[in-house]
Amino acid sequence: MKCPFCQNSDTRVVDSRPVEEGAALRRRRLCEACGARFTTHERYQSGALM
């Protein structure tokens, strides 16, 4: 995941929680370069894998 502040791709997840009754995840991330914290919201996709 790219940092939205400095565009560095070296980030790590510091907290992960299910939201919307487990249909999505909210992750708190930390940029290793500039120290900024930001949140991502990730939704699960269902479907057949090719």
Protein backbone atom coordinates (compact mmCIF):
# COMPACT_ATOMS: atom_id res chain seq x y z
CA MET A 1 0.00 0.00 0.00
CA LYS A 2 1.34 3.41 -0.95
CA CYS A 3 1.46 6.21 1.63
CA PRO A 4 -0.95 8.99 0.56
CA PHE A 5 1.38 11.62 2.07
CA CYS A 6 4.86 10.75 0.75
CA GLN A 7 4.04 8.04 -1.87
CA ASN A 8 6.44 5.55 -0.24
CA SER A 9 5.36 1.91 -0.67
CA ASP A 10 6.93 0.70 2.60
CA THR A 11 3.95 0.68 4.99
CA ARG A 12 2.81 -1.74 7.66
CA VAL A 13 -0.52 -2.62 9.26
CA VAL A 14 -0.75 -1.61 12.94
CA ASP A 15 -4.42 -2.52 13.52
CA SER A 16 -7.02 -4.50 11.59
CA ARG A 17 -10.73 -4.75 12.47
CA PRO A 18 -13.75 -6.24 10.74
CA VAL A 19 -16.57 -3.82 9.87
CA GLU A 20 -20.02 -4.13 8.27
CA GLU A 21 -20.68 -7.48 9.98
CA GLY A 22 -17.44 -8.97 8.66
CA ALA A 23 -18.00 -7.96 5.03
CA ALA A 24 -15.04 -5.56 5.08
CA LEU A 25 -11.86 -4.66 6.98
CA ARG A 26 -10.65 -1.37 8.41
CA ARG A 27 -6.88 -1.24 8.63
CA ARG A 28 -4.71 1.38 10.33
CA ARG A 29 -1.38 1.65 8.54
CA LEU A 30 1.93 3.30 9.38
CA CYS A 31 4.36 4.66 6.79
CA GLU A 32 7.90 3.55 7.61
CA ALA A 33 9.40 6.53 5.75
CA CYS A 34 7.49 9.59 7.03
CA GLY A 35 5.71 8.14 10.08
CA ALA A 36 2.22 9.12 8.88
CA ARG A 37 -0.75 7.01 9.93
CA PHE A 38 -3.70 6.44 7.62
CA THR A 39 -6.74 4.18 7.35
CA THR A 40 -7.77 1.89 4.51
CA HIS A 41 -11.17 0.26 4.06
CA GLU A 42 -11.05 -3.07 2.24
CA ARG A 43 -14.08 -5.00 1.01
CA TYR A 44 -14.19 -8.72 0.32
CA GLN A 45 -15.12 -9.79 -3.19
CA SER A 46 -16.85 -13.06 -3.86
CA GLY A 47 -16.64 -14.89 -7.13
CA ALA A 48 -14.94 -17.74 -8.88
CA LEU A 49 -11.18 -17.72 -9.26
CA MET A 50 -9.84 -18.45 -12.70
